[in-house]
Amino acid sequence: MRLRKGGSTVEVDSGGAARRDMRLSWVLAVLSICLNALATAAGAEGKRKLQIGVKKRVDHCPIKSRKGDVLHMHYTGKLEDGTEFDSSLPQNQPFVFSLGTGQVIKGWDQGLLGMCEGEKRKLVIPSELGYGERGAPPKIPGGATLVFEVELLKIERRSEL
């Protein structure tokens, strides 16, 4: 392409400019895809999963906990930083509730399924399966991940009708 500048003619490589524009366009498209993938990954990380760790296994396990069972549990609940917010141990008074009926946080209803009497577990419960964004003031802040050490002392199985 020729352009006149003043009294002289100047050659301009319009093909080179077009190639640069295409490369820039391609780089921007790739960058956009990468940023989108990172944003998606960050959103997925915000929804963490329940973590269940078995701390003590039981050799003889004739029955495992299931929905509807009444469980007798000892537990200690802590925040991620190690701050204890509750425990049944100091009073030596087990916590008794019906599993899978909404009497406890979702992390417990899910994390205590299939347990044996005498088994101990560590549950790391994301806020979505705990107390959510509101928390349980003053001890549990909003959005808190909860860490429970639990021991199943007894299973009461309701007879099926």
C-alpha atoms as a PDB file:
ATOM      1  CA  MET A   1       0.000   0.000   0.000  1.00  0.00           C
ATOM      2  CA  ARG A   2       1.330   3.430  -0.876  1.00  0.00           C
ATOM      3  CA  LEU A   3       0.574   6.586   1.015  1.00  0.00           C
ATOM      4  CA  ARG A   4       1.650  10.066   0.094  1.00  0.00           C
ATOM      5  CA  LYS A   5       3.292  11.981   2.869  1.00  0.00           C
ATOM      6  CA  GLY A   6       4.343  15.459   2.065  1.00  0.00           C
ATOM      7  CA  GLY A   7       6.056  15.241  -1.319  1.00  0.00           C
ATOM      8  CA  SER A   8       7.148  11.632  -1.066  1.00  0.00           C
ATOM      9  CA  THR A   9       5.480   8.264  -1.300  1.00  0.00           C
ATOM     10  CA  VAL A  10       5.728   5.939   1.717  1.00  0.00           C
ATOM     11  CA  GLU A  11       5.324   2.141   1.493  1.00  0.00           C
ATOM     12  CA  VAL A  12       3.199   0.605   4.264  1.00  0.00           C
ATOM     13  CA  ASP A  13       3.031  -3.143   4.849  1.00  0.00           C
ATOM     14  CA  SER A  14      -0.695  -3.593   5.464  1.00  0.00           C
ATOM     15  CA  GLY A  15      -0.302  -7.403   5.492  1.00  0.00           C
ATOM     16  CA  GLY A  16       2.086  -7.184   8.488  1.00  0.00           C
ATOM     17  CA  ALA A  17      -0.326  -4.981  10.403  1.00  0.00           C
ATOM     18  CA  ALA A  18      -3.154  -7.392   9.695  1.00  0.00           C
ATOM     19  CA  ARG A  19      -1.034 -10.318  10.910  1.00  0.00           C
ATOM     20  CA  ARG A  20      -0.165  -8.424  14.105  1.00  0.00           C
ATOM     21  CA  ASP A  21      -3.848  -7.660  14.667  1.00  0.00           C
ATOM     22  CA  MET A  22      -4.720 -11.344  14.168  1.00  0.00           C
ATOM     23  CA  ARG A  23      -1.997 -12.429  16.600  1.00  0.00           C
ATOM     24  CA  LEU A  24      -3.171  -9.891  19.151  1.00  0.00           C
ATOM     25  CA  SER A  25      -6.725 -11.084  18.670  1.00  0.00           C
ATOM     26  CA  TRP A  26      -5.638 -14.698  19.146  1.00  0.00           C
ATOM     27  CA  VAL A  27      -3.606 -13.873  22.294  1.00  0.00           C
ATOM     28  CA  LEU A  28      -6.561 -11.992  23.770  1.00  0.00           C
ATOM     29  CA  ALA A  29      -8.894 -14.922  23.033  1.00  0.00           C
ATOM     30  CA  VAL A  30      -6.529 -17.401  24.709  1.00  0.00           C
ATOM     31  CA  LEU A  31      -6.099 -15.057  27.686  1.00  0.00           C
ATOM     32  CA  SER A  32      -9.872 -14.733  27.996  1.00  0.00           C
ATOM     33  CA  ILE A  33     -10.293 -18.530  27.977  1.00  0.00           C
ATOM     34  CA  CYS A  34      -7.600 -18.924  30.658  1.00  0.00           C
ATOM     35  CA  LEU A  35      -9.120 -16.247  32.902  1.00  0.00           C
ATOM     36  CA  ASN A  36     -12.545 -17.826  32.504  1.00  0.00           C
ATOM     37  CA  ALA A  37     -11.136 -21.226  33.512  1.00  0.00           C
ATOM     38  CA  LEU A  38      -9.474 -19.695  36.576  1.00  0.00           C
ATOM     39  CA  ALA A  39     -12.700 -17.978  37.619  1.00  0.00           C
ATOM     40  CA  THR A  40     -14.603 -21.266  37.239  1.00  0.00           C
ATOM     41  CA  ALA A  41     -11.989 -23.108  39.305  1.00  0.00           C
ATOM     42  CA  ALA A  42     -12.117 -20.447  42.025  1.00  0.00           C
ATOM     43  CA  GLY A  43     -15.911 -20.752  42.161  1.00  0.00           C
ATOM     44  CA  ALA A  44     -15.676 -24.542  42.449  1.00  0.00           C
ATOM     45  CA  GLU A  45     -13.123 -24.201  45.244  1.00  0.00           C
ATOM     46  CA  GLY A  46     -15.624 -22.070  47.163  1.00  0.00           C
ATOM     47  CA  LYS A  47     -17.860 -25.148  47.371  1.00  0.00           C
ATOM     48  CA  ARG A  48     -15.641 -27.491  49.296  1.00  0.00           C
ATOM     49  CA  LYS A  49     -16.555 -31.079  50.016  1.00  0.00           C
ATOM     50  CA  LEU A  50     -17.095 -32.860  53.295  1.00  0.00           C
ATOM     51  CA  GLN A  51     -13.927 -34.674  54.382  1.00  0.00           C
ATOM     52  CA  ILE A  52     -14.276 -37.864  56.437  1.00  0.00           C
ATOM     53  CA  GLY A  53     -11.263 -39.422  58.105  1.00  0.00           C
ATOM     54  CA  VAL A  54     -11.413 -42.627  60.140  1.00  0.00           C
ATOM     55  CA  LYS A  55      -9.300 -42.165  63.286  1.00  0.00           C
ATOM     56  CA  LYS A  56     -10.134 -45.531  64.905  1.00  0.00           C
ATOM     57  CA  ARG A  57     -11.520 -48.556  63.091  1.00  0.00           C
ATOM     58  CA  VAL A  58     -13.543 -51.314  64.733  1.00  0.00           C
ATOM     59  CA  ASP A  59     -12.821 -54.985  64.032  1.00  0.00           C
ATOM     60  CA  HIS A  60     -16.276 -56.382  64.847  1.00  0.00           C
ATOM     61  CA  CYS A  61     -19.094 -54.296  63.385  1.00  0.00           C
ATOM     62  CA  PRO A  62     -22.448 -56.086  63.346  1.00  0.00           C
ATOM     63  CA  ILE A  63     -24.417 -52.935  62.452  1.00  0.00           C
ATOM     64  CA  LYS A  64     -23.474 -49.656  60.770  1.00  0.00           C
ATOM     65  CA  SER A  65     -25.284 -46.383  61.317  1.00  0.00           C
ATOM     66  CA  ARG A  66     -27.967 -45.473  58.809  1.00  0.00           C
ATOM     67  CA  LYS A  67     -30.708 -42.904  58.365  1.00  0.00           C
ATOM     68  CA  GLY A  68     -33.270 -43.080  61.174  1.00  0.00           C
ATOM     69  CA  ASP A  69     -30.911 -44.614  63.773  1.00  0.00           C
ATOM     70  CA  VAL A  70     -30.607 -42.911  67.144  1.00  0.00           C
ATOM     71  CA  LEU A  71     -26.905 -42.298  67.757  1.00  0.00           C
ATOM     72  CA  HIS A  72     -25.108 -41.661  71.042  1.00  0.00           C
ATOM     73  CA  MET A  73     -21.993 -39.626  70.260  1.00  0.00           C
ATOM     74  CA  HIS A  74     -19.084 -37.972  71.965  1.00  0.00           C
ATOM     75  CA  TYR A  75     -17.661 -35.055  70.012  1.00  0.00           C
ATOM     76  CA  THR A  76     -15.374 -32.060  70.091  1.00  0.00           C
ATOM     77  CA  GLY A  77     -15.966 -29.240  67.633  1.00  0.00           C
ATOM     78  CA  LYS A  78     -13.277 -26.782  66.584  1.00  0.00           C
ATOM     79  CA  LEU A  79     -12.815 -24.021  64.055  1.00  0.00           C
ATOM     80  CA  GLU A  80     -10.073 -24.421  61.440  1.00  0.00           C
ATOM     81  CA  ASP A  81      -7.686 -22.366  63.590  1.00  0.00           C
ATOM     82  CA  GLY A  82      -8.071 -24.878  66.437  1.00  0.00           C
ATOM     83  CA  THR A  83     -10.441 -22.803  68.591  1.00  0.00           C
ATOM     84  CA  GLU A  84     -12.786 -25.208  70.390  1.00  0.00           C
ATOM     85  CA  PHE A  85     -16.422 -24.139  70.322  1.00  0.00           C
ATOM     86  CA  ASP A  86     -18.178 -27.173  71.844  1.00  0.00           C
ATOM     87  CA  SER A  87     -17.598 -30.636  73.317  1.00  0.00           C
ATOM     88  CA  SER A  88     -19.580 -33.378  75.011  1.00  0.00           C
ATOM     89  CA  LEU A  89     -16.495 -34.692  76.817  1.00  0.00           C
ATOM     90  CA  PRO A  90     -16.199 -32.344  79.850  1.00  0.00           C
ATOM     91  CA  GLN A  91     -19.681 -33.327  81.106  1.00  0.00           C
ATOM     92  CA  ASN A  92     -19.188 -36.955  80.000  1.00  0.00           C
ATOM     93  CA  GLN A  93     -22.700 -36.634  78.582  1.00  0.00           C
ATOM     94  CA  PRO A  94     -23.085 -38.141  75.088  1.00  0.00           C
ATOM     95  CA  PHE A  95     -25.098 -36.244  72.508  1.00  0.00           C
ATOM     96  CA  VAL A  96     -28.142 -38.278  71.386  1.00  0.00           C
ATOM     97  CA  PHE A  97     -29.996 -37.601  68.123  1.00  0.00           C
ATOM     98  CA  SER A  98     -31.671 -39.270  65.163  1.00  0.00           C
ATOM     99  CA  LEU A  99     -29.421 -39.534  62.087  1.00  0.00           C
ATOM    100  CA  GLY A 100     -30.591 -38.213  58.727  1.00  0.00           C
ATOM    101  CA  THR A 101     -33.631 -36.362  60.019  1.00  0.00           C
ATOM    102  CA  GLY A 102     -32.284 -32.804  60.069  1.00  0.00           C
ATOM    103  CA  GLN A 103     -31.741 -32.670  63.836  1.00  0.00           C
ATOM    104  CA  VAL A 104     -28.056 -31.882  63.249  1.00  0.00           C
ATOM    105  CA  ILE A 105     -26.057 -30.028  60.599  1.00  0.00           C
ATOM    106  CA  LYS A 106     -25.905 -31.629  57.141  1.00  0.00           C
ATOM    107  CA  GLY A 107     -22.209 -32.417  57.578  1.00  0.00           C
ATOM    108  CA  TRP A 108     -23.090 -34.707  60.494  1.00  0.00           C
ATOM    109  CA  ASP A 109     -26.086 -36.303  58.739  1.00  0.00           C
ATOM    110  CA  GLN A 110     -23.751 -37.187  55.847  1.00  0.00           C
ATOM    111  CA  GLY A 111     -20.480 -37.766  57.700  1.00  0.00           C
ATOM    112  CA  LEU A 112     -21.790 -40.201  60.313  1.00  0.00           C
ATOM    113  CA  LEU A 113     -23.424 -42.658  57.916  1.00  0.00           C
ATOM    114  CA  GLY A 114     -21.951 -46.153  57.918  1.00  0.00           C
ATOM    115  CA  MET A 115     -20.215 -45.817  61.298  1.00  0.00           C
ATOM    116  CA  CYS A 116     -19.688 -48.665  63.745  1.00  0.00           C
ATOM    117  CA  GLU A 117     -20.055 -48.514  67.514  1.00  0.00           C
ATOM    118  CA  GLY A 118     -16.646 -47.597  68.938  1.00  0.00           C
ATOM    119  CA  GLU A 119     -15.445 -46.000  65.692  1.00  0.00           C
ATOM    120  CA  LYS A 120     -13.857 -42.549  65.749  1.00  0.00           C
ATOM    121  CA  ARG A 121     -13.864 -40.116  62.846  1.00  0.00           C
ATOM    122  CA  LYS A 122     -12.602 -36.678  62.016  1.00  0.00           C
ATOM    123  CA  LEU A 123     -15.037 -34.593  59.967  1.00  0.00           C
ATOM    124  CA  VAL A 124     -13.976 -31.421  58.166  1.00  0.00           C
ATOM    125  CA  ILE A 125     -17.251 -29.729  57.298  1.00  0.00           C
ATOM    126  CA  PRO A 126     -17.455 -26.811  54.843  1.00  0.00           C
ATOM    127  CA  SER A 127     -19.748 -23.969  55.871  1.00  0.00           C
ATOM    128  CA  GLU A 128     -22.392 -24.987  53.296  1.00  0.00           C
ATOM    129  CA  LEU A 129     -22.891 -28.235  55.279  1.00  0.00           C
ATOM    130  CA  GLY A 130     -22.500 -26.500  58.646  1.00  0.00           C
ATOM    131  CA  TYR A 131     -23.938 -23.149  59.725  1.00  0.00           C
ATOM    132  CA  GLY A 132     -23.526 -21.350  56.389  1.00  0.00           C
ATOM    133  CA  GLU A 133     -22.856 -17.666  55.929  1.00  0.00           C
ATOM    134  CA  ARG A 134     -24.796 -16.714  59.089  1.00  0.00           C
ATOM    135  CA  GLY A 135     -22.756 -18.924  61.400  1.00  0.00           C
ATOM    136  CA  ALA A 136     -23.868 -19.560  64.978  1.00  0.00           C
ATOM    137  CA  PRO A 137     -22.764 -16.465  66.907  1.00  0.00           C
ATOM    138  CA  PRO A 138     -20.946 -15.806  69.073  1.00  0.00           C
ATOM    139  CA  LYS A 139     -18.751 -18.933  68.849  1.00  0.00           C
ATOM    140  CA  ILE A 140     -19.063 -19.862  65.165  1.00  0.00           C
ATOM    141  CA  PRO A 141     -18.515 -17.066  62.623  1.00  0.00           C
ATOM    142  CA  GLY A 142     -20.276 -16.960  59.275  1.00  0.00           C
ATOM    143  CA  GLY A 143     -18.655 -19.041  56.549  1.00  0.00           C
ATOM    144  CA  ALA A 144     -16.703 -21.134  59.062  1.00  0.00           C
ATOM    145  CA  THR A 145     -15.317 -24.555  58.206  1.00  0.00           C
ATOM    146  CA  LEU A 146     -15.872 -26.878  61.175  1.00  0.00           C
ATOM    147  CA  VAL A 147     -13.619 -29.695  62.377  1.00  0.00           C
ATOM    148  CA  PHE A 148     -15.182 -32.412  64.534  1.00  0.00           C
ATOM    149  CA  GLU A 149     -13.590 -35.353  66.308  1.00  0.00           C
ATOM    150  CA  VAL A 150     -16.473 -37.795  66.887  1.00  0.00           C
ATOM    151  CA  GLU A 151     -16.887 -41.181  68.544  1.00  0.00           C
ATOM    152  CA  LEU A 152     -19.960 -43.361  68.067  1.00  0.00           C
ATOM    153  CA  LEU A 153     -20.780 -44.923  71.430  1.00  0.00           C
ATOM    154  CA  LYS A 154     -24.108 -46.605  70.678  1.00  0.00           C
ATOM    155  CA  ILE A 155     -26.584 -47.200  67.852  1.00  0.00           C
ATOM    156  CA  GLU A 156     -30.276 -47.617  68.633  1.00  0.00           C
ATOM    157  CA  ARG A 157     -31.941 -49.173  65.609  1.00  0.00           C
ATOM    158  CA  ARG A 158     -35.650 -48.528  65.319  1.00  0.00           C
ATOM    159  CA  SER A 159     -37.501 -51.726  64.441  1.00  0.00           C
ATOM    160  CA  GLU A 160     -38.910 -51.539  60.945  1.00  0.00           C
ATOM    161  CA  LEU A 161     -42.695 -51.488  60.687  1.00  0.00           C
END
